[in-house]
């Protein structure tokens, strides 16, 4: 199935989980944790192969996941797994978790920003960058930085769907495209 199709099918389930999370005290963090665990479980090769077994019934599929994570899931989480299994939607768990995370971040007005730099970014630069991004995006910013020496110099900033490539490598690639 195409990614857009998966997202379209997964969206109502993510919305239902989000609504359930909003109704409970500390529900957003609890549902976020449960969905992250379910995403990790379904992304494991051995679990994915077991769930793909055509001889498994929907009850067997949900029992498999619940046997792995049953203690980590509350009653609503266990029921969620059973419903997804009943409608053959367990494969959507990673997409549901991603959509839930996006809804949660939007609700909490937070955004994860990834910064790739040619050199290590010191704490003062991180603070300045976080403050500038907070002012521009009107959200609390959670920064993660990585070093990629192939950038030669500069940075690449990824914030949601926005990518700002201010690296020397990126500038050289754009120049090469103009010249060819």
N, C-alpha and C. Protein backbone atom coordinates (compact mmCIF):
# COMPACT_ATOMS: atom_id res chain seq x y z
N UNK A 1 0.83 -1.18 0.00
CA UNK A 1 0.00 0.00 0.00
C UNK A 1 0.88 1.24 0.00
N UNK A 2 0.44 2.28 -0.65
CA UNK A 2 1.17 3.53 -0.69
C UNK A 2 1.12 4.22 0.67
N UNK A 3 2.14 5.00 0.94
CA UNK A 3 2.23 5.71 2.23
C UNK A 3 1.00 6.59 2.47
N UNK A 4 0.53 7.29 1.43
CA UNK A 4 -0.63 8.16 1.58
C UNK A 4 -1.87 7.35 1.97
N UNK A 5 -2.00 6.17 1.37
CA UNK A 5 -3.13 5.31 1.72
C UNK A 5 -3.05 4.86 3.16
N UNK A 6 -1.86 4.45 3.61
CA UNK A 6 -1.68 4.03 4.99
C UNK A 6 -2.05 5.15 5.95
N UNK A 7 -1.61 6.34 5.63
CA UNK A 7 -1.90 7.50 6.49
C UNK A 7 -3.40 7.76 6.52
N UNK A 8 -4.06 7.68 5.39
CA UNK A 8 -5.50 7.92 5.33
C UNK A 8 -6.27 6.89 6.16
N UNK A 9 -5.86 5.64 6.07
CA UNK A 9 -6.53 4.58 6.83
C UNK A 9 -6.21 4.68 8.31
N UNK A 10 -4.98 5.08 8.64
CA UNK A 10 -4.54 5.13 10.05
C UNK A 10 -5.08 6.35 10.79
N UNK A 11 -5.40 7.42 10.09
CA UNK A 11 -5.79 8.67 10.73
C UNK A 11 -6.98 8.54 11.70
N UNK A 12 -8.07 7.85 11.35
CA UNK A 12 -9.18 7.74 12.32
C UNK A 12 -8.78 7.01 13.60
N UNK A 13 -7.91 6.02 13.48
CA UNK A 13 -7.45 5.29 14.66
C UNK A 13 -6.57 6.19 15.53
N UNK A 14 -5.71 6.99 14.90
CA UNK A 14 -4.86 7.91 15.66
C UNK A 14 -5.72 8.97 16.34
N UNK A 15 -6.74 9.45 15.65
CA UNK A 15 -7.64 10.44 16.26
C UNK A 15 -8.40 9.86 17.45
N UNK A 16 -8.83 8.61 17.31
CA UNK A 16 -9.54 7.95 18.42
C UNK A 16 -8.62 7.79 19.62
N UNK A 17 -7.38 7.39 19.39
CA UNK A 17 -6.42 7.26 20.49
C UNK A 17 -6.15 8.62 21.12
N UNK A 18 -6.05 9.65 20.29
CA UNK A 18 -5.79 11.00 20.80
C UNK A 18 -6.95 11.50 21.65
N UNK A 19 -8.18 11.28 21.18
CA UNK A 19 -9.35 11.68 21.97
C UNK A 19 -9.39 10.94 23.31
N UNK A 20 -9.10 9.65 23.27
CA UNK A 20 -9.08 8.87 24.51
C UNK A 20 -7.99 9.40 25.44
N UNK A 21 -6.86 9.79 24.88
CA UNK A 21 -5.76 10.33 25.68
C UNK A 21 -6.14 11.66 26.33
N UNK A 22 -6.86 12.49 25.60
CA UNK A 22 -7.27 13.78 26.15
C UNK A 22 -8.26 13.63 27.29
N UNK A 23 -9.03 12.55 27.27
CA UNK A 23 -10.04 12.32 28.31
C UNK A 23 -9.45 11.82 29.62
N UNK A 24 -8.21 11.36 29.61
CA UNK A 24 -7.61 10.76 30.81
C UNK A 24 -6.55 11.69 31.39
N UNK A 25 -6.40 11.61 32.71
CA UNK A 25 -5.33 12.34 33.36
C UNK A 25 -4.01 11.71 32.94
N UNK A 26 -3.08 12.53 32.49
CA UNK A 26 -1.79 12.06 32.00
C UNK A 26 -1.95 11.11 30.82
N UNK A 27 -3.06 11.24 30.11
CA UNK A 27 -3.35 10.33 28.99
C UNK A 27 -2.43 10.50 27.80
N UNK A 28 -2.02 11.74 27.52
CA UNK A 28 -1.16 11.96 26.35
C UNK A 28 0.17 11.23 26.50
N UNK A 29 0.77 11.32 27.66
CA UNK A 29 2.05 10.64 27.83
C UNK A 29 1.85 9.12 27.88
N UNK A 30 0.78 8.68 28.52
CA UNK A 30 0.53 7.23 28.61
C UNK A 30 0.25 6.64 27.23
N UNK A 31 -0.63 7.26 26.47
CA UNK A 31 -0.93 6.76 25.12
C UNK A 31 0.31 6.88 24.22
N UNK A 32 1.05 7.97 24.37
CA UNK A 32 2.28 8.12 23.58
C UNK A 32 3.26 6.99 23.86
N UNK A 33 3.41 6.62 25.13
CA UNK A 33 4.30 5.53 25.51
C UNK A 33 3.79 4.20 24.97
N UNK A 34 2.48 3.94 25.13
CA UNK A 34 1.91 2.67 24.65
C UNK A 34 2.08 2.54 23.13
N UNK A 35 1.77 3.60 22.41
CA UNK A 35 1.88 3.54 20.95
C UNK A 35 3.33 3.41 20.51
N UNK A 36 4.25 4.04 21.23
CA UNK A 36 5.67 3.90 20.90
C UNK A 36 6.12 2.45 21.10
N UNK A 37 5.66 1.81 22.16
CA UNK A 37 6.00 0.40 22.40
C UNK A 37 5.39 -0.49 21.31
N UNK A 38 4.14 -0.23 20.95
CA UNK A 38 3.50 -1.01 19.90
C UNK A 38 4.19 -0.82 18.56
N UNK A 39 4.59 0.41 18.26
CA UNK A 39 5.33 0.69 17.02
C UNK A 39 6.63 -0.10 17.00
N UNK A 40 7.36 -0.07 18.11
CA UNK A 40 8.63 -0.79 18.19
C UNK A 40 8.42 -2.29 18.02
N UNK A 41 7.38 -2.81 18.65
CA UNK A 41 7.10 -4.25 18.55
C UNK A 41 6.78 -4.65 17.12
N UNK A 42 5.90 -3.90 16.47
CA UNK A 42 5.48 -4.23 15.10
C UNK A 42 6.63 -4.04 14.11
N UNK A 43 7.56 -3.15 14.42
CA UNK A 43 8.71 -2.93 13.53
C UNK A 43 9.78 -3.99 13.66
N UNK A 44 9.70 -4.82 14.69
CA UNK A 44 10.66 -5.92 14.84
C UNK A 44 10.38 -6.97 13.76
N UNK A 45 11.43 -7.42 13.11
CA UNK A 45 11.28 -8.39 12.01
C UNK A 45 10.56 -9.66 12.44
N UNK A 46 10.93 -10.19 13.60
CA UNK A 46 10.33 -11.46 14.04
C UNK A 46 8.83 -11.29 14.32
N UNK A 47 8.44 -10.16 14.89
CA UNK A 47 7.02 -9.91 15.17
C UNK A 47 6.27 -9.70 13.86
N UNK A 48 6.87 -8.94 12.96
CA UNK A 48 6.23 -8.67 11.66
C UNK A 48 5.99 -9.97 10.90
N UNK A 49 7.00 -10.86 10.92
CA UNK A 49 6.86 -12.15 10.25
C UNK A 49 5.77 -13.00 10.90
N UNK A 50 5.73 -12.98 12.23
CA UNK A 50 4.71 -13.77 12.95
C UNK A 50 3.31 -13.25 12.63
N UNK A 51 3.16 -11.92 12.58
CA UNK A 51 1.84 -11.34 12.29
C UNK A 51 1.42 -11.58 10.84
N UNK A 52 2.39 -11.80 9.96
CA UNK A 52 2.07 -12.04 8.55
C UNK A 52 1.66 -13.49 8.28
N UNK A 53 1.76 -14.34 9.28
CA UNK A 53 1.39 -15.75 9.12
C UNK A 53 -0.10 -15.85 8.79
N UNK A 54 -0.45 -16.39 7.63
CA UNK A 54 -1.86 -16.45 7.23
C UNK A 54 -2.69 -17.41 8.10
N UNK A 55 -2.04 -18.26 8.86
CA UNK A 55 -2.77 -19.21 9.70
C UNK A 55 -3.24 -18.57 11.01
N UNK A 56 -2.71 -17.39 11.34
CA UNK A 56 -3.12 -16.73 12.58
C UNK A 56 -4.50 -16.10 12.43
N UNK A 57 -5.32 -16.28 13.44
CA UNK A 57 -6.61 -15.59 13.48
C UNK A 57 -6.38 -14.21 14.07
N UNK A 58 -7.40 -13.35 13.97
CA UNK A 58 -7.26 -12.01 14.56
C UNK A 58 -7.05 -12.11 16.07
N UNK A 59 -7.68 -13.09 16.70
CA UNK A 59 -7.49 -13.30 18.14
C UNK A 59 -6.04 -13.69 18.42
N UNK A 60 -5.46 -14.54 17.57
CA UNK A 60 -4.07 -14.94 17.74
C UNK A 60 -3.13 -13.74 17.57
N UNK A 61 -3.43 -12.90 16.59
CA UNK A 61 -2.58 -11.74 16.34
C UNK A 61 -2.58 -10.80 17.54
N UNK A 62 -3.76 -10.48 18.05
CA UNK A 62 -3.82 -9.59 19.21
C UNK A 62 -3.20 -10.26 20.43
N UNK A 63 -3.40 -11.57 20.58
CA UNK A 63 -2.81 -12.29 21.71
C UNK A 63 -1.29 -12.25 21.65
N UNK A 64 -0.74 -12.32 20.45
CA UNK A 64 0.71 -12.24 20.29
C UNK A 64 1.24 -10.91 20.80
N UNK A 65 0.65 -9.82 20.35
CA UNK A 65 1.10 -8.51 20.79
C UNK A 65 0.85 -8.30 22.28
N UNK A 66 -0.29 -8.75 22.76
CA UNK A 66 -0.61 -8.57 24.17
C UNK A 66 0.30 -9.43 25.06
N UNK A 67 0.74 -10.57 24.56
CA UNK A 67 1.67 -11.39 25.35
C UNK A 67 3.03 -10.70 25.45
N UNK A 68 3.38 -9.93 24.42
CA UNK A 68 4.65 -9.20 24.44
C UNK A 68 4.57 -7.95 25.30
N UNK A 69 3.45 -7.24 25.21
CA UNK A 69 3.35 -5.92 25.84
C UNK A 69 2.18 -5.78 26.81
N UNK A 70 1.50 -6.87 27.11
CA UNK A 70 0.28 -6.80 27.91
C UNK A 70 0.40 -6.00 29.19
N UNK A 71 1.49 -6.15 29.92
CA UNK A 71 1.65 -5.43 31.17
C UNK A 71 1.89 -3.95 30.95
N UNK A 72 2.40 -3.60 29.78
CA UNK A 72 2.69 -2.20 29.47
C UNK A 72 1.47 -1.45 28.94
N UNK A 73 0.42 -2.18 28.58
CA UNK A 73 -0.78 -1.57 28.01
C UNK A 73 -1.90 -1.59 29.04
N UNK A 74 -2.58 -0.45 29.17
CA UNK A 74 -3.75 -0.45 30.05
C UNK A 74 -4.92 -1.09 29.30
N UNK A 75 -6.07 -1.12 29.94
CA UNK A 75 -7.25 -1.77 29.34
C UNK A 75 -7.60 -1.16 28.00
N UNK A 76 -7.57 0.18 27.93
CA UNK A 76 -7.88 0.83 26.65
C UNK A 76 -6.86 0.46 25.58
N UNK A 77 -5.60 0.41 25.94
CA UNK A 77 -4.56 0.03 24.99
C UNK A 77 -4.74 -1.40 24.49
N UNK A 78 -5.10 -2.29 25.40
CA UNK A 78 -5.34 -3.68 25.01
C UNK A 78 -6.55 -3.79 24.08
N UNK A 79 -7.61 -3.04 24.39
CA UNK A 79 -8.79 -3.03 23.52
C UNK A 79 -8.46 -2.44 22.15
N UNK A 80 -7.60 -1.43 22.14
CA UNK A 80 -7.17 -0.80 20.89
C UNK A 80 -6.49 -1.84 20.00
N UNK A 81 -5.60 -2.63 20.59
CA UNK A 81 -4.90 -3.68 19.84
C UNK A 81 -5.90 -4.70 19.31
N UNK A 82 -6.86 -5.09 20.12
CA UNK A 82 -7.86 -6.07 19.69
C UNK A 82 -8.69 -5.56 18.52
N UNK A 83 -9.06 -4.29 18.57
CA UNK A 83 -9.84 -3.70 17.48
C UNK A 83 -9.01 -3.64 16.20
N UNK A 84 -7.76 -3.20 16.33
CA UNK A 84 -6.89 -3.15 15.15
C UNK A 84 -6.71 -4.54 14.55
N UNK A 85 -6.55 -5.56 15.39
CA UNK A 85 -6.39 -6.93 14.90
C UNK A 85 -7.68 -7.40 14.22
N UNK A 86 -8.81 -7.07 14.82
CA UNK A 86 -10.09 -7.50 14.27
C UNK A 86 -10.30 -6.99 12.85
N UNK A 87 -9.84 -5.77 12.59
CA UNK A 87 -10.02 -5.18 11.26
C UNK A 87 -8.75 -5.29 10.40
N UNK A 88 -7.82 -6.17 10.82
CA UNK A 88 -6.58 -6.41 10.08
C UNK A 88 -5.80 -5.11 9.85
N UNK A 89 -5.64 -4.34 10.93
CA UNK A 89 -4.98 -3.04 10.85
C UNK A 89 -3.72 -2.95 11.73
N UNK A 90 -3.22 -4.06 12.24
CA UNK A 90 -2.03 -4.00 13.11
C UNK A 90 -0.82 -3.45 12.37
N UNK A 91 -0.77 -3.66 11.07
CA UNK A 91 0.34 -3.15 10.27
C UNK A 91 0.38 -1.61 10.30
N UNK A 92 -0.73 -0.98 10.66
CA UNK A 92 -0.81 0.48 10.70
C UNK A 92 -0.24 1.08 11.98
N UNK A 93 0.13 0.26 12.95
CA UNK A 93 0.57 0.79 14.25
C UNK A 93 1.70 1.82 14.15
N UNK A 94 2.74 1.61 13.32
CA UNK A 94 3.76 2.65 13.22
C UNK A 94 3.21 3.98 12.70
N UNK A 95 2.34 3.91 11.71
CA UNK A 95 1.75 5.13 11.15
C UNK A 95 0.81 5.79 12.16
N UNK A 96 0.04 4.99 12.88
CA UNK A 96 -0.85 5.52 13.92
C UNK A 96 -0.02 6.23 14.98
N UNK A 97 1.08 5.61 15.39
CA UNK A 97 1.94 6.21 16.41
C UNK A 97 2.54 7.53 15.91
N UNK A 98 2.96 7.58 14.66
CA UNK A 98 3.51 8.81 14.09
C UNK A 98 2.45 9.92 14.06
N UNK A 99 1.25 9.58 13.62
CA UNK A 99 0.17 10.57 13.58
C UNK A 99 -0.19 11.05 14.98
N UNK A 100 -0.24 10.12 15.93
CA UNK A 100 -0.52 10.48 17.32
C UNK A 100 0.55 11.44 17.84
N UNK A 101 1.81 11.14 17.58
CA UNK A 101 2.90 12.00 18.03
C UNK A 101 2.76 13.41 17.45
N UNK A 102 2.38 13.50 16.18
CA UNK A 102 2.18 14.81 15.54
C UNK A 102 1.02 15.57 16.19
N UNK A 103 -0.08 14.86 16.48
CA UNK A 103 -1.22 15.50 17.14
C UNK A 103 -0.84 15.97 18.55
N UNK A 104 -0.10 15.15 19.24
CA UNK A 104 0.35 15.48 20.61
C UNK A 104 1.25 16.71 20.58
N UNK A 105 2.21 16.73 19.66
CA UNK A 105 3.12 17.88 19.55
C UNK A 105 2.36 19.15 19.20
N UNK A 106 1.37 19.05 18.32
CA UNK A 106 0.56 20.20 17.95
C UNK A 106 -0.24 20.69 19.15
N UNK A 107 -0.80 19.76 19.91
CA UNK A 107 -1.59 20.11 21.09
C UNK A 107 -0.72 20.77 22.15
N UNK A 108 0.48 20.26 22.34
CA UNK A 108 1.39 20.79 23.36
C UNK A 108 2.23 21.95 22.84
N UNK A 109 2.04 22.29 21.57
CA UNK A 109 2.79 23.36 20.92
C UNK A 109 4.30 23.14 21.05
N UNK A 110 4.73 21.92 20.71
CA UNK A 110 6.15 21.59 20.69
C UNK A 110 6.53 21.13 19.29
N UNK A 111 7.81 21.17 19.01
CA UNK A 111 8.30 20.71 17.72
C UNK A 111 9.70 20.18 17.90
N UNK A 112 9.94 19.02 17.28
CA UNK A 112 11.28 18.46 17.28
C UNK A 112 12.02 19.00 16.07
N UNK A 113 13.20 19.52 16.33
CA UNK A 113 14.03 20.08 15.26
C UNK A 113 15.36 19.34 15.26
N UNK A 114 15.72 18.82 14.09
CA UNK A 114 16.99 18.10 13.93
C UNK A 114 17.97 19.01 13.20
N UNK A 115 19.17 19.12 13.76
CA UNK A 115 20.20 19.96 13.16
C UNK A 115 21.39 19.09 12.83
N UNK A 116 21.78 19.11 11.56
CA UNK A 116 23.00 18.45 11.11
C UNK A 116 24.02 19.55 10.88
N UNK A 117 25.18 19.39 11.48
CA UNK A 117 26.22 20.39 11.35
C UNK A 117 27.53 19.74 10.97
N UNK A 118 28.37 20.49 10.29
CA UNK A 118 29.69 19.97 9.92
C UNK A 118 30.57 19.84 11.16
N UNK A 119 30.29 20.62 12.18
CA UNK A 119 31.06 20.62 13.42
C UNK A 119 30.11 20.54 14.61
N UNK A 120 30.66 20.18 15.76
CA UNK A 120 29.87 20.08 16.99
C UNK A 120 29.28 21.45 17.34
N UNK A 121 28.00 21.49 17.69
CA UNK A 121 27.33 22.73 18.05
C UNK A 121 27.43 22.89 19.57
N UNK A 122 28.03 24.00 20.02
CA UNK A 122 28.18 24.19 21.46
C UNK A 122 26.86 24.65 22.10
N UNK A 123 26.83 24.63 23.43
CA UNK A 123 25.60 24.91 24.16
C UNK A 123 25.06 26.31 23.91
N UNK A 124 25.94 27.31 23.81
CA UNK A 124 25.45 28.68 23.59
C UNK A 124 24.81 28.81 22.21
N UNK A 125 25.41 28.17 21.21
CA UNK A 125 24.82 28.20 19.86
C UNK A 125 23.49 27.46 19.85
N UNK A 126 23.40 26.33 20.58
CA UNK A 126 22.14 25.59 20.67
C UNK A 126 21.05 26.46 21.29
N UNK A 127 21.39 27.17 22.36
CA UNK A 127 20.41 28.04 23.03
C UNK A 127 19.94 29.16 22.11
N UNK A 128 20.88 29.79 21.40
CA UNK A 128 20.52 30.87 20.47
C UNK A 128 19.62 30.34 19.35
N UNK A 129 20.00 29.18 18.83
CA UNK A 129 19.22 28.57 17.74
C UNK A 129 17.83 28.19 18.24
N UNK A 130 17.74 27.60 19.42
CA UNK A 130 16.45 27.23 19.99
C UNK A 130 15.58 28.46 20.21
N UNK A 131 16.16 29.55 20.70
CA UNK A 131 15.40 30.78 20.93
C UNK A 131 14.90 31.37 19.60
N UNK A 132 15.76 31.36 18.59
CA UNK A 132 15.36 31.89 17.27
C UNK A 132 14.25 31.05 16.66
N UNK A 133 14.38 29.72 16.75
CA UNK A 133 13.35 28.84 16.21
C UNK A 133 12.05 28.96 17.00
N UNK A 134 12.14 29.12 18.31
CA UNK A 134 10.94 29.30 19.14
C UNK A 134 10.20 30.57 18.71
N UNK A 135 10.95 31.66 18.49
CA UNK A 135 10.33 32.91 18.06
C UNK A 135 9.69 32.77 16.68
N UNK A 136 10.35 32.06 15.78
CA UNK A 136 9.82 31.93 14.42
C UNK A 136 8.66 30.96 14.34
N UNK A 137 8.75 29.82 15.06
CA UNK A 137 7.74 28.77 14.95
C UNK A 137 6.61 28.89 15.97
N UNK A 138 6.80 29.75 16.98
CA UNK A 138 5.82 29.92 18.06
C UNK A 138 5.52 28.59 18.75
N UNK A 139 6.57 27.82 18.97
CA UNK A 139 6.46 26.52 19.64
C UNK A 139 7.69 26.30 20.49
N UNK A 140 7.53 25.46 21.51
CA UNK A 140 8.70 25.02 22.26
C UNK A 140 9.48 24.07 21.37
N UNK A 141 10.77 24.27 21.30
CA UNK A 141 11.60 23.51 20.37
C UNK A 141 12.46 22.52 21.15
N UNK A 142 12.46 21.27 20.68
CA UNK A 142 13.34 20.24 21.21
C UNK A 142 14.39 19.97 20.15
N UNK A 143 15.64 20.37 20.44
CA UNK A 143 16.72 20.25 19.47
C UNK A 143 17.48 18.95 19.62
N UNK A 144 17.78 18.33 18.50
CA UNK A 144 18.74 17.22 18.47
C UNK A 144 19.78 17.59 17.42
N UNK A 145 21.02 17.40 17.76
CA UNK A 145 22.09 17.76 16.83
C UNK A 145 22.93 16.53 16.50
N UNK A 146 23.37 16.49 15.26
CA UNK A 146 24.29 15.45 14.81
C UNK A 146 25.39 16.12 14.00
N UNK A 147 26.54 15.49 13.97
CA UNK A 147 27.68 15.99 13.20
C UNK A 147 27.82 15.15 11.94
N UNK A 148 27.90 15.84 10.80
CA UNK A 148 28.12 15.19 9.50
C UNK A 148 29.24 15.96 8.80
N UNK A 149 30.44 15.42 8.86
CA UNK A 149 31.61 16.11 8.30
C UNK A 149 31.51 16.27 6.78
N UNK A 150 30.67 15.49 6.12
CA UNK A 150 30.52 15.61 4.66
C UNK A 150 29.82 16.90 4.25
N UNK A 151 29.23 17.62 5.22
CA UNK A 151 28.59 18.89 4.89
C UNK A 151 29.62 19.97 4.57
N UNK A 152 30.87 19.75 4.93
CA UNK A 152 32.01 20.65 4.75
C UNK A 152 31.89 21.85 5.70
N UNK A 153 30.78 22.50 5.73
CA UNK A 153 30.53 23.64 6.62
C UNK A 153 29.06 23.94 6.62
N UNK A 154 28.59 24.74 7.57
CA UNK A 154 27.19 25.12 7.64
C UNK A 154 26.33 24.09 8.33
N UNK A 155 25.00 24.24 8.16
CA UNK A 155 24.05 23.36 8.84
C UNK A 155 22.88 23.02 7.92
N UNK A 156 22.21 21.92 8.28
CA UNK A 156 20.92 21.57 7.69
C UNK A 156 19.95 21.48 8.86
N UNK A 157 18.83 22.21 8.77
CA UNK A 157 17.83 22.23 9.84
C UNK A 157 16.57 21.59 9.31
N UNK A 158 16.06 20.60 10.06
CA UNK A 158 14.81 19.92 9.70
C UNK A 158 13.80 20.16 10.82
N UNK A 159 12.73 20.86 10.50
CA UNK A 159 11.67 21.15 11.46
C UNK A 159 10.35 20.78 10.81
N UNK A 160 9.82 19.60 11.16
CA UNK A 160 8.59 19.14 10.54
C UNK A 160 8.83 18.90 9.06
N UNK A 161 8.03 19.54 8.22
CA UNK A 161 8.15 19.41 6.77
C UNK A 161 9.14 20.40 6.17
N UNK A 162 9.67 21.29 6.99
CA UNK A 162 10.58 22.33 6.52
C UNK A 162 12.02 21.87 6.63
N UNK A 163 12.77 22.04 5.54
CA UNK A 163 14.20 21.73 5.53
C UNK A 163 14.93 22.97 5.05
N UNK A 164 15.86 23.43 5.87
CA UNK A 164 16.70 24.57 5.51
C UNK A 164 18.12 24.04 5.35
N UNK A 165 18.60 24.02 4.12
CA UNK A 165 19.95 23.51 3.82
C UNK A 165 20.87 24.70 3.61
N UNK A 166 21.64 25.02 4.63
CA UNK A 166 22.60 26.11 4.55
C UNK A 166 24.01 25.53 4.69
N UNK A 167 24.20 24.34 4.11
CA UNK A 167 25.51 23.69 4.18
C UNK A 167 26.31 24.03 2.94
N UNK A 168 27.62 23.94 3.07
CA UNK A 168 28.49 24.18 1.92
C UNK A 168 28.23 23.12 0.86
N UNK A 169 28.05 21.86 1.28
CA UNK A 169 27.76 20.79 0.33
C UNK A 169 26.48 21.10 -0.46
N UNK A 170 25.44 21.56 0.23
CA UNK A 170 24.18 21.90 -0.43
C UNK A 170 24.35 23.04 -1.42
N UNK A 171 25.15 24.03 -1.04
CA UNK A 171 25.39 25.17 -1.94
C UNK A 171 26.16 24.73 -3.18
N UNK A 172 27.14 23.84 -2.98
CA UNK A 172 27.91 23.32 -4.12
C UNK A 172 27.01 22.51 -5.05
N UNK A 173 26.12 21.70 -4.48
CA UNK A 173 25.19 20.91 -5.30
C UNK A 173 24.26 21.82 -6.10
N UNK A 174 23.75 22.89 -5.47
CA UNK A 174 22.86 23.81 -6.19
C UNK A 174 23.64 24.53 -7.31
N UNK A 175 24.90 24.90 -7.02
CA UNK A 175 25.73 25.54 -8.05
C UNK A 175 25.98 24.58 -9.22
N UNK A 176 26.25 23.32 -8.92
CA UNK A 176 26.48 22.32 -9.97
C UNK A 176 25.22 22.15 -10.82
N UNK A 177 24.03 22.18 -10.20
CA UNK A 177 22.79 22.06 -10.94
C UNK A 177 22.57 23.26 -11.86
N UNK A 178 22.95 24.44 -11.41
CA UNK A 178 22.81 25.64 -12.24
C UNK A 178 23.75 25.58 -13.44
N UNK A 179 24.96 25.08 -13.22
CA UNK A 179 25.96 25.05 -14.27
C UNK A 179 25.72 23.96 -15.31
N UNK A 180 24.94 22.92 -14.98
CA UNK A 180 24.73 21.84 -15.95
C UNK A 180 23.49 22.05 -16.76
